[in-house]
Amino acid sequence: MKTSKNMTIESESKRNFLVGALALGLATSVSSAFAKSKDDHHHHHHVSDDKAQLVDAAIDCVKNTIVCRDHCIELLKTGDTTLTECLDISNDTIAMCNTLTQLSSSNSDHLMAFAKVSLAVCQDCEKECRRHKDKHQACKDCMESCSRCIDAIEKYMA
């Protein structure tokens, strides 16, 4: 018979594996898009260093925000509602950063407008996770990755 602690460790291991697989899949897809873009001499857009940094920061943000969101869900299952707001914001952040990654890697004409909205969402998430960073490592990691994403967005928009 498995103990609750063993089941928690197994659940955490599975979650970490899935998050890693998701991040790897997204990174591979984006890397191949960048390689295709750089090799395509007839394409009128090129991938700038700012966009590449934006993609890297957004992927990292997705990865850490998924872990944070899952941590919030686990706490909710125990009846702890202290991270409910964090859960709501993390869902928005994951969606925004996934889309930000796609638009950045495809040289979308709508990237600048979307970056402005993404900036606001990442700022909200960073602010919310800052409130919990001393109690929850997942929130601290999420806060830090949001901060890096904010920096990358601001650099791209400058």
N, C-alpha and C. Protein backbone atom coordinates (compact mmCIF):
# COMPACT_ATOMS: atom_id res chain seq x y z
N MET A 1 0.84 -1.17 0.00
CA MET A 1 0.00 0.00 0.00
C MET A 1 0.90 1.25 0.00
N LYS A 2 0.55 2.21 -0.86
CA LYS A 2 1.33 3.44 -0.96
C LYS A 2 0.85 4.41 0.10
N THR A 3 1.81 5.14 0.64
CA THR A 3 1.46 6.17 1.61
C THR A 3 1.11 7.44 0.88
N SER A 4 0.47 8.34 1.59
CA SER A 4 0.09 9.62 1.00
C SER A 4 1.32 10.38 0.52
N LYS A 5 2.41 10.30 1.30
CA LYS A 5 3.63 11.00 0.94
C LYS A 5 4.19 10.45 -0.38
N ASN A 6 4.20 9.11 -0.53
CA ASN A 6 4.69 8.51 -1.77
C ASN A 6 3.83 8.91 -2.96
N MET A 7 2.52 8.97 -2.75
CA MET A 7 1.61 9.36 -3.83
C MET A 7 1.86 10.82 -4.22
N THR A 8 2.14 11.67 -3.23
CA THR A 8 2.43 13.07 -3.51
C THR A 8 3.72 13.19 -4.30
N ILE A 9 4.74 12.43 -3.92
CA ILE A 9 6.01 12.46 -4.64
C ILE A 9 5.81 11.96 -6.07
N GLU A 10 5.04 10.87 -6.24
CA GLU A 10 4.76 10.38 -7.59
C GLU A 10 4.00 11.41 -8.41
N SER A 11 3.01 12.06 -7.81
CA SER A 11 2.24 13.08 -8.52
C SER A 11 3.14 14.24 -8.92
N GLU A 12 4.02 14.66 -8.01
CA GLU A 12 4.93 15.75 -8.30
C GLU A 12 5.88 15.37 -9.42
N SER A 13 6.39 14.15 -9.38
CA SER A 13 7.31 13.68 -10.42
C SER A 13 6.61 13.66 -11.78
N LYS A 14 5.40 13.16 -11.81
CA LYS A 14 4.65 13.12 -13.07
C LYS A 14 4.39 14.53 -13.57
N ARG A 15 4.00 15.43 -12.67
CA ARG A 15 3.72 16.80 -13.06
C ARG A 15 4.99 17.46 -13.60
N ASN A 16 6.11 17.28 -12.91
CA ASN A 16 7.36 17.88 -13.36
C ASN A 16 7.77 17.32 -14.72
N PHE A 17 7.55 16.03 -14.93
CA PHE A 17 7.84 15.43 -16.22
C PHE A 17 6.98 16.05 -17.31
N LEU A 18 5.69 16.20 -17.04
CA LEU A 18 4.77 16.76 -18.04
C LEU A 18 5.11 18.21 -18.34
N VAL A 19 5.44 18.98 -17.31
CA VAL A 19 5.81 20.38 -17.52
C VAL A 19 7.07 20.45 -18.37
N GLY A 20 8.05 19.60 -18.05
CA GLY A 20 9.28 19.57 -18.83
C GLY A 20 9.02 19.17 -20.28
N ALA A 21 8.17 18.19 -20.47
CA ALA A 21 7.84 17.74 -21.83
C ALA A 21 7.13 18.86 -22.60
N LEU A 22 6.22 19.56 -21.94
CA LEU A 22 5.52 20.67 -22.58
C LEU A 22 6.51 21.76 -22.98
N ALA A 23 7.38 22.13 -22.07
CA ALA A 23 8.36 23.18 -22.35
C ALA A 23 9.30 22.75 -23.48
N LEU A 24 9.74 21.48 -23.45
CA LEU A 24 10.62 20.98 -24.49
C LEU A 24 9.92 20.99 -25.85
N GLY A 25 8.67 20.55 -25.86
CA GLY A 25 7.91 20.55 -27.11
C GLY A 25 7.74 21.94 -27.67
N LEU A 26 7.41 22.87 -26.80
CA LEU A 26 7.22 24.26 -27.23
C LEU A 26 8.55 24.84 -27.71
N ALA A 27 9.62 24.58 -26.97
CA ALA A 27 10.93 25.10 -27.35
C ALA A 27 11.39 24.50 -28.68
N THR A 28 11.15 23.22 -28.89
CA THR A 28 11.53 22.56 -30.15
C THR A 28 10.76 23.15 -31.32
N SER A 29 9.47 23.36 -31.11
CA SER A 29 8.64 23.93 -32.16
C SER A 29 9.10 25.34 -32.51
N VAL A 30 9.41 26.12 -31.50
CA VAL A 30 9.86 27.49 -31.73
C VAL A 30 11.24 27.50 -32.37
N SER A 31 12.13 26.62 -31.89
CA SER A 31 13.48 26.55 -32.46
C SER A 31 13.43 26.21 -33.94
N SER A 32 12.57 25.27 -34.31
CA SER A 32 12.47 24.91 -35.72
C SER A 32 11.89 26.07 -36.53
N ALA A 33 10.99 26.82 -35.94
CA ALA A 33 10.44 28.00 -36.64
C ALA A 33 11.53 29.04 -36.84
N PHE A 34 12.38 29.24 -35.81
CA PHE A 34 13.48 30.19 -35.95
C PHE A 34 14.47 29.73 -37.01
N ALA A 35 14.80 28.44 -36.99
CA ALA A 35 15.75 27.90 -37.97
C ALA A 35 15.20 28.07 -39.37
N LYS A 36 13.93 27.78 -39.57
CA LYS A 36 13.30 27.93 -40.88
C LYS A 36 13.33 29.39 -41.30
N SER A 37 13.04 30.29 -40.36
CA SER A 37 13.02 31.71 -40.66
C SER A 37 14.41 32.21 -41.06
N LYS A 38 15.44 31.74 -40.36
CA LYS A 38 16.80 32.18 -40.66
C LYS A 38 17.28 31.60 -41.98
N ASP A 39 16.84 30.39 -42.33
CA ASP A 39 17.27 29.74 -43.57
C ASP A 39 16.49 30.22 -44.78
N ASP A 40 15.35 30.82 -44.59
CA ASP A 40 14.49 31.23 -45.70
C ASP A 40 14.92 32.62 -46.18
N HIS A 41 15.71 32.64 -47.24
CA HIS A 41 16.24 33.91 -47.74
C HIS A 41 15.19 34.76 -48.43
N HIS A 42 14.07 34.17 -48.81
CA HIS A 42 13.03 34.92 -49.49
C HIS A 42 12.01 35.52 -48.54
N HIS A 43 12.13 35.20 -47.29
CA HIS A 43 11.18 35.69 -46.28
C HIS A 43 11.56 37.13 -45.95
N HIS A 44 10.60 38.04 -45.88
CA HIS A 44 10.91 39.44 -45.68
C HIS A 44 11.08 39.82 -44.21
N HIS A 45 10.83 38.90 -43.29
CA HIS A 45 11.05 39.15 -41.87
C HIS A 45 12.23 38.33 -41.40
N HIS A 46 12.88 38.79 -40.36
CA HIS A 46 13.90 37.97 -39.71
C HIS A 46 13.62 38.00 -38.21
N VAL A 47 14.16 37.02 -37.53
CA VAL A 47 13.94 36.91 -36.09
C VAL A 47 15.02 37.71 -35.39
N SER A 48 14.62 38.74 -34.69
CA SER A 48 15.58 39.59 -33.99
C SER A 48 15.99 38.96 -32.67
N ASP A 49 17.10 39.45 -32.12
CA ASP A 49 17.54 38.97 -30.81
C ASP A 49 16.50 39.29 -29.73
N ASP A 50 15.85 40.44 -29.84
CA ASP A 50 14.81 40.80 -28.87
C ASP A 50 13.65 39.81 -28.90
N LYS A 51 13.28 39.38 -30.10
CA LYS A 51 12.19 38.39 -30.21
C LYS A 51 12.64 37.04 -29.68
N ALA A 52 13.88 36.66 -29.96
CA ALA A 52 14.39 35.39 -29.45
C ALA A 52 14.41 35.39 -27.92
N GLN A 53 14.83 36.50 -27.33
CA GLN A 53 14.83 36.62 -25.87
C GLN A 53 13.40 36.61 -25.34
N LEU A 54 12.50 37.21 -26.07
CA LEU A 54 11.09 37.23 -25.68
C LEU A 54 10.52 35.82 -25.67
N VAL A 55 10.83 35.05 -26.69
CA VAL A 55 10.37 33.66 -26.76
C VAL A 55 10.93 32.86 -25.59
N ASP A 56 12.22 32.98 -25.34
CA ASP A 56 12.84 32.24 -24.23
C ASP A 56 12.19 32.61 -22.90
N ALA A 57 11.98 33.89 -22.68
CA ALA A 57 11.38 34.34 -21.41
C ALA A 57 9.94 33.87 -21.29
N ALA A 58 9.19 33.91 -22.39
CA ALA A 58 7.79 33.48 -22.35
C ALA A 58 7.68 31.97 -22.10
N ILE A 59 8.56 31.18 -22.71
CA ILE A 59 8.55 29.73 -22.48
C ILE A 59 8.86 29.43 -21.02
N ASP A 60 9.86 30.11 -20.47
CA ASP A 60 10.22 29.92 -19.07
C ASP A 60 9.06 30.32 -18.16
N CYS A 61 8.38 31.39 -18.53
CA CYS A 61 7.24 31.85 -17.75
C CYS A 61 6.11 30.83 -17.77
N VAL A 62 5.83 30.26 -18.94
CA VAL A 62 4.79 29.23 -19.04
C VAL A 62 5.15 28.06 -18.12
N LYS A 63 6.37 27.60 -18.21
CA LYS A 63 6.81 26.44 -17.42
C LYS A 63 6.62 26.69 -15.92
N ASN A 64 7.12 27.81 -15.44
CA ASN A 64 7.03 28.10 -14.00
C ASN A 64 5.61 28.42 -13.55
N THR A 65 4.83 29.02 -14.43
CA THR A 65 3.46 29.34 -14.08
C THR A 65 2.60 28.09 -14.02
N ILE A 66 2.88 27.11 -14.86
CA ILE A 66 2.16 25.84 -14.78
C ILE A 66 2.43 25.17 -13.44
N VAL A 67 3.67 25.18 -13.01
CA VAL A 67 4.01 24.59 -11.71
C VAL A 67 3.30 25.35 -10.59
N CYS A 68 3.29 26.67 -10.67
CA CYS A 68 2.61 27.49 -9.67
C CYS A 68 1.11 27.20 -9.65
N ARG A 69 0.51 27.16 -10.83
CA ARG A 69 -0.92 26.87 -10.93
C ARG A 69 -1.25 25.51 -10.32
N ASP A 70 -0.44 24.51 -10.63
CA ASP A 70 -0.68 23.17 -10.08
C ASP A 70 -0.53 23.16 -8.56
N HIS A 71 0.41 23.95 -8.06
CA HIS A 71 0.57 24.08 -6.60
C HIS A 71 -0.69 24.69 -5.98
N CYS A 72 -1.22 25.71 -6.63
CA CYS A 72 -2.46 26.34 -6.15
C CYS A 72 -3.60 25.34 -6.12
N ILE A 73 -3.70 24.53 -7.15
CA ILE A 73 -4.77 23.52 -7.23
C ILE A 73 -4.61 22.51 -6.09
N GLU A 74 -3.39 22.08 -5.84
CA GLU A 74 -3.16 21.11 -4.76
C GLU A 74 -3.57 21.70 -3.41
N LEU A 75 -3.26 22.96 -3.20
CA LEU A 75 -3.67 23.61 -1.94
C LEU A 75 -5.19 23.73 -1.85
N LEU A 76 -5.82 24.06 -2.96
CA LEU A 76 -7.28 24.15 -2.96
C LEU A 76 -7.92 22.81 -2.60
N LYS A 77 -7.32 21.72 -3.05
CA LYS A 77 -7.84 20.39 -2.74
C LYS A 77 -7.82 20.11 -1.24
N THR A 78 -6.92 20.76 -0.52
CA THR A 78 -6.85 20.56 0.93
C THR A 78 -7.75 21.52 1.68
N GLY A 79 -8.42 22.40 0.94
CA GLY A 79 -9.30 23.38 1.57
C GLY A 79 -8.65 24.74 1.78
N ASP A 80 -7.38 24.87 1.44
CA ASP A 80 -6.65 26.14 1.60
C ASP A 80 -6.97 27.03 0.40
N THR A 81 -7.66 28.13 0.64
CA THR A 81 -8.07 29.03 -0.44
C THR A 81 -7.19 30.28 -0.55
N THR A 82 -6.06 30.29 0.12
CA THR A 82 -5.21 31.49 0.13
C THR A 82 -4.62 31.83 -1.23
N LEU A 83 -4.55 30.85 -2.14
CA LEU A 83 -3.96 31.10 -3.45
C LEU A 83 -4.98 31.09 -4.58
N THR A 84 -6.24 31.32 -4.25
CA THR A 84 -7.29 31.32 -5.27
C THR A 84 -7.06 32.39 -6.33
N GLU A 85 -6.71 33.58 -5.90
CA GLU A 85 -6.44 34.67 -6.84
C GLU A 85 -5.23 34.33 -7.71
N CYS A 86 -4.24 33.74 -7.10
CA CYS A 86 -3.03 33.32 -7.83
C CYS A 86 -3.40 32.30 -8.91
N LEU A 87 -4.29 31.40 -8.59
CA LEU A 87 -4.75 30.40 -9.55
C LEU A 87 -5.41 31.06 -10.76
N ASP A 88 -6.29 32.00 -10.51
CA ASP A 88 -6.98 32.70 -11.60
C ASP A 88 -5.99 33.44 -12.50
N ILE A 89 -5.08 34.15 -11.89
CA ILE A 89 -4.10 34.93 -12.66
C ILE A 89 -3.15 34.01 -13.42
N SER A 90 -2.78 32.90 -12.80
CA SER A 90 -1.84 31.99 -13.48
C SER A 90 -2.45 31.41 -14.75
N ASN A 91 -3.74 31.13 -14.75
CA ASN A 91 -4.38 30.64 -15.97
C ASN A 91 -4.28 31.66 -17.10
N ASP A 92 -4.49 32.93 -16.78
CA ASP A 92 -4.35 33.98 -17.79
C ASP A 92 -2.91 34.07 -18.28
N THR A 93 -1.98 33.98 -17.35
CA THR A 93 -0.56 34.12 -17.70
C THR A 93 -0.11 33.00 -18.63
N ILE A 94 -0.52 31.78 -18.34
CA ILE A 94 -0.16 30.65 -19.19
C ILE A 94 -0.69 30.87 -20.61
N ALA A 95 -1.93 31.27 -20.72
CA ALA A 95 -2.53 31.51 -22.04
C ALA A 95 -1.81 32.64 -22.78
N MET A 96 -1.54 33.72 -22.09
CA MET A 96 -0.90 34.87 -22.72
C MET A 96 0.52 34.53 -23.17
N CYS A 97 1.28 33.88 -22.31
CA CYS A 97 2.68 33.60 -22.66
C CYS A 97 2.79 32.53 -23.74
N ASN A 98 1.87 31.58 -23.76
CA ASN A 98 1.86 30.62 -24.88
C ASN A 98 1.63 31.35 -26.20
N THR A 99 0.66 32.25 -26.20
CA THR A 99 0.36 33.00 -27.43
C THR A 99 1.49 33.96 -27.77
N LEU A 100 2.06 34.58 -26.77
CA LEU A 100 3.20 35.48 -26.98
C LEU A 100 4.35 34.73 -27.65
N THR A 101 4.59 33.51 -27.22
CA THR A 101 5.63 32.68 -27.83
C THR A 101 5.32 32.43 -29.30
N GLN A 102 4.09 32.06 -29.59
CA GLN A 102 3.71 31.76 -30.97
C GLN A 102 3.81 33.00 -31.87
N LEU A 103 3.30 34.12 -31.39
CA LEU A 103 3.33 35.34 -32.21
C LEU A 103 4.75 35.84 -32.41
N SER A 104 5.59 35.70 -31.40
CA SER A 104 6.99 36.12 -31.52
C SER A 104 7.73 35.27 -32.54
N SER A 105 7.54 33.97 -32.46
CA SER A 105 8.29 33.08 -33.34
C SER A 105 7.79 33.12 -34.78
N SER A 106 6.56 33.58 -34.98
CA SER A 106 6.04 33.64 -36.35
C SER A 106 6.14 35.04 -36.96
N ASN A 107 6.80 35.94 -36.25
CA ASN A 107 6.95 37.32 -36.74
C ASN A 107 5.61 37.98 -37.04
N SER A 108 4.65 37.76 -36.18
CA SER A 108 3.31 38.29 -36.40
C SER A 108 3.31 39.82 -36.42
N ASP A 109 2.49 40.36 -37.31
CA ASP A 109 2.30 41.81 -37.37
C ASP A 109 1.56 42.32 -36.14
N HIS A 110 0.95 41.42 -35.38
CA HIS A 110 0.16 41.81 -34.21
C HIS A 110 0.94 41.68 -32.90
N LEU A 111 2.22 41.34 -33.01
CA LEU A 111 3.01 41.10 -31.80
C LEU A 111 3.08 42.31 -30.89
N MET A 112 3.30 43.48 -31.42
CA MET A 112 3.45 44.67 -30.57
C MET A 112 2.18 44.93 -29.77
N ALA A 113 1.03 44.86 -30.41
CA ALA A 113 -0.23 45.08 -29.69
C ALA A 113 -0.45 44.00 -28.63
N PHE A 114 -0.14 42.76 -28.98
CA PHE A 114 -0.32 41.66 -28.04
C PHE A 114 0.68 41.76 -26.89
N ALA A 115 1.88 42.22 -27.18
CA ALA A 115 2.91 42.36 -26.14
C ALA A 115 2.44 43.31 -25.04
N LYS A 116 1.72 44.36 -25.41
CA LYS A 116 1.23 45.33 -24.42
C LYS A 116 0.26 44.66 -23.44
N VAL A 117 -0.62 43.83 -23.96
CA VAL A 117 -1.58 43.12 -23.11
C VAL A 117 -0.84 42.07 -22.28
N SER A 118 0.09 41.37 -22.89
CA SER A 118 0.88 40.36 -22.18
C SER A 118 1.65 40.99 -21.02
N LEU A 119 2.17 42.17 -21.25
CA LEU A 119 2.90 42.89 -20.20
C LEU A 119 2.02 43.09 -18.98
N ALA A 120 0.80 43.54 -19.20
CA ALA A 120 -0.13 43.79 -18.08
C ALA A 120 -0.45 42.49 -17.32
N VAL A 121 -0.65 41.41 -18.06
CA VAL A 121 -0.97 40.13 -17.42
C VAL A 121 0.22 39.62 -16.61
N CYS A 122 1.42 39.70 -17.19
CA CYS A 122 2.61 39.26 -16.47
C CYS A 122 2.87 40.12 -15.24
N GLN A 123 2.59 41.41 -15.33
CA GLN A 123 2.75 42.28 -14.17
C GLN A 123 1.77 41.89 -13.06
N ASP A 124 0.54 41.57 -13.42
CA ASP A 124 -0.44 41.12 -12.43
C ASP A 124 0.01 39.83 -11.76
N CYS A 125 0.50 38.89 -12.55
CA CYS A 125 0.94 37.61 -12.01
C CYS A 125 2.15 37.80 -11.11
N GLU A 126 3.10 38.59 -11.56
CA GLU A 126 4.31 38.85 -10.76
C GLU A 126 3.94 39.48 -9.42
N LYS A 127 3.01 40.41 -9.45
CA LYS A 127 2.57 41.09 -8.23
C LYS A 127 1.87 40.12 -7.27
N GLU A 128 1.01 39.27 -7.80
CA GLU A 128 0.29 38.31 -6.96
C GLU A 128 1.24 37.28 -6.36
N CYS A 129 2.15 36.76 -7.18
CA CYS A 129 3.09 35.76 -6.67
C CYS A 129 4.06 36.37 -5.65
N ARG A 130 4.36 37.64 -5.80
CA ARG A 130 5.24 38.32 -4.84
C ARG A 130 4.65 38.23 -3.43
N ARG A 131 3.32 38.27 -3.33
CA ARG A 131 2.66 38.20 -2.03
C ARG A 131 2.90 36.86 -1.32
N HIS A 132 3.19 35.81 -2.10
CA HIS A 132 3.29 34.46 -1.56
C HIS A 132 4.70 33.87 -1.66
N LYS A 133 5.64 34.65 -2.18
CA LYS A 133 6.98 34.12 -2.49
C LYS A 133 7.73 33.59 -1.27
N ASP A 134 7.47 34.13 -0.10
CA ASP A 134 8.18 33.68 1.10
C ASP A 134 7.59 32.39 1.67
N LYS A 135 6.38 32.04 1.27
CA LYS A 135 5.73 30.84 1.79
C LYS A 135 5.74 29.68 0.80
N HIS A 136 5.84 29.98 -0.49
CA HIS A 136 5.71 28.94 -1.51
C HIS A 136 6.79 29.11 -2.58
N GLN A 137 7.64 28.12 -2.72
CA GLN A 137 8.72 28.16 -3.72
C GLN A 137 8.15 28.30 -5.14
N ALA A 138 7.04 27.63 -5.40
CA ALA A 138 6.43 27.71 -6.73
C ALA A 138 6.04 29.15 -7.06
N CYS A 139 5.53 29.87 -6.08
CA CYS A 139 5.16 31.28 -6.30
C CYS A 139 6.41 32.13 -6.53
N LYS A 140 7.47 31.85 -5.78
CA LYS A 140 8.72 32.60 -5.95
C LYS A 140 9.28 32.38 -7.35
N ASP A 141 9.32 31.12 -7.79
CA ASP A 141 9.83 30.81 -9.13
C ASP A 141 8.98 31.46 -10.22
N CYS A 142 7.67 31.44 -10.03
CA CYS A 142 6.76 32.06 -10.98
C CYS A 142 6.97 33.57 -11.03
N MET A 143 7.09 34.18 -9.86
CA MET A 143 7.33 35.62 -9.77
C MET A 143 8.60 36.00 -10.52
N GLU A 144 9.66 35.23 -10.32
CA GLU A 144 10.94 35.54 -10.97
C GLU A 144 10.85 35.37 -12.49
N SER A 145 10.16 34.32 -12.94
CA SER A 145 10.05 34.14 -14.39
C SER A 145 9.15 35.21 -15.01
N CYS A 146 8.12 35.63 -14.29
CA CYS A 146 7.28 36.74 -14.78
C CYS A 146 8.10 38.01 -14.89
N SER A 147 8.96 38.24 -13.91
CA SER A 147 9.81 39.43 -13.93
C SER A 147 10.74 39.42 -15.15
N ARG A 148 11.32 38.26 -15.45
CA ARG A 148 12.18 38.15 -16.64
C ARG A 148 11.38 38.36 -17.92
N CYS A 149 10.15 37.85 -17.94
CA CYS A 149 9.30 38.02 -19.11
C CYS A 149 8.92 39.50 -19.28
N ILE A 150 8.61 40.16 -18.18
CA ILE A 150 8.31 41.59 -18.21
C ILE A 150 9.49 42.36 -18.80
N ASP A 151 10.70 42.04 -18.34
CA ASP A 151 11.90 42.70 -18.86
C ASP A 151 12.05 42.47 -20.37
N ALA A 152 11.82 41.23 -20.80
CA ALA A 152 11.95 40.91 -22.23
C ALA A 152 10.89 41.63 -23.06
N ILE A 153 9.68 41.70 -22.55
CA ILE A 153 8.60 42.41 -23.26
C ILE A 153 8.95 43.89 -23.38
N GLU A 154 9.38 44.48 -22.27
CA GLU A 154 9.73 45.91 -22.28
C GLU A 154 10.89 46.18 -23.23
N LYS A 155 11.85 45.28 -23.26
CA LYS A 155 12.99 45.45 -24.18
C LYS A 155 12.52 45.38 -25.63
N TYR A 156 11.64 44.41 -25.91
CA TYR A 156 11.11 44.29 -27.27
C TYR A 156 10.32 45.54 -27.66
N MET A 157 9.53 46.06 -26.75
CA MET A 157 8.66 47.20 -27.04
C MET A 157 9.42 48.52 -27.14
N ALA A 158 10.64 48.57 -26.62
CA ALA A 158 11.42 49.82 -26.61
C ALA A 158 11.86 50.23 -28.00
